[in-house]
Structure formats: C-alpha cells, structure tokens
Amino acid sequence: MAGPNGNAASDAEAHRMIDEKMTAALQLQMAMLTGRLGTTPATATKKIIRHYSRTVRANRKRLAG
C-alpha cells in the first residue's frame, strides 16, 4: 500500500531509515548510561560519530545496491 508520497517502496525505505536512526540513538543512550562512551568529551564524540557512521554507511550501501 502506497503512503503519502504514492510509492510503497520509498515509504517502506523511509520507515526503515527512521527505525534505524531510532535504534542507533537508543543504543547510544544505553552506551552513555553504562559508561561505554568513555570518560572524556573527545572520546565520547569519536565513539558517537563512529556509531552513526556505521548506520549511514549501511544505508548508503543498501540504497546503492
């Protein structure tokens, strides 16, 4: 069934990307609460960027293929 933009495939992809972003954010929140992001702002920033980069890279790979 097509959504607001009239294309079921693109709507499904949009939902998937939103789900992935929410999952990534929740994973980071858990990492922060358990101390896995490190003890300094610089370390935490590097780990956060690395975490989101993996998600973005997976999206690009999936969309390109």
Protein backbone atom coordinates (compact mmCIF):
# COMPACT_ATOMS: atom_id res chain seq x y z
CA MET A 1 0.00 0.00 0.00
CA ALA A 2 1.38 3.37 -1.01
CA GLY A 3 1.81 6.07 1.58
CA PRO A 4 1.66 9.85 1.33
CA ASN A 5 4.19 10.10 -1.48
CA GLY A 6 2.45 7.44 -3.59
CA ASN A 7 5.31 4.95 -3.68
CA ALA A 8 5.17 1.94 -1.37
CA ALA A 9 8.86 1.10 -1.80
CA SER A 10 10.07 4.58 -0.90
CA ASP A 11 7.66 4.74 2.02
CA ALA A 12 8.99 1.42 3.32
CA GLU A 13 12.56 2.70 2.96
CA ALA A 14 11.70 5.91 4.80
CA HIS A 15 10.21 3.91 7.67
CA ARG A 16 13.23 1.63 7.75
CA MET A 17 15.64 4.57 7.88
CA ILE A 18 13.67 6.16 10.73
CA ASP A 19 13.68 2.85 12.62
CA GLU A 20 17.45 2.56 12.13
CA LYS A 21 18.03 6.09 13.38
CA MET A 22 15.90 5.48 16.46
CA THR A 23 17.71 2.22 17.15
CA ALA A 24 21.09 3.93 16.78
CA ALA A 25 20.02 6.70 19.16
CA LEU A 26 18.77 4.23 21.76
CA GLN A 27 21.98 2.21 21.50
CA LEU A 28 23.99 5.37 22.11
CA GLN A 29 21.83 6.30 25.05
CA MET A 30 22.47 2.89 26.61
CA ALA A 31 26.19 3.20 25.91
CA MET A 32 26.21 6.60 27.59
CA LEU A 33 24.33 5.34 30.63
CA THR A 34 26.67 2.38 31.06
CA GLY A 35 29.87 4.37 30.55
CA ARG A 36 30.87 2.75 27.26
CA LEU A 37 31.41 6.11 25.54
CA GLY A 38 34.49 6.87 27.59
CA THR A 39 35.31 9.43 30.21
CA THR A 40 36.16 12.50 28.15
CA PRO A 41 34.04 14.55 25.75
CA ALA A 42 36.56 13.93 22.95
CA THR A 43 36.38 10.16 23.36
CA ALA A 44 32.60 10.19 23.56
CA THR A 45 32.38 12.34 20.43
CA LYS A 46 34.62 9.97 18.46
CA LYS A 47 32.58 6.96 19.52
CA ILE A 48 29.28 8.67 18.72
CA ILE A 49 30.47 9.67 15.25
CA ARG A 50 31.79 6.16 14.61
CA HIS A 51 28.47 4.67 15.71
CA TYR A 52 26.37 6.88 13.43
CA SER A 53 28.85 6.47 10.57
CA ARG A 54 28.19 2.73 10.54
CA THR A 55 24.45 3.33 10.21
CA VAL A 56 24.91 5.88 7.44
CA ARG A 57 27.35 3.62 5.59
CA ALA A 58 24.87 0.72 5.76
CA ASN A 59 22.10 2.97 4.41
CA ARG A 60 24.25 4.14 1.52
CA LYS A 61 25.28 0.60 0.66
CA ARG A 62 21.69 -0.63 0.74
CA LEU A 63 20.38 2.28 -1.33
CA ALA A 64 23.15 1.95 -3.92
CA GLY A 65 22.55 -1.76 -4.45
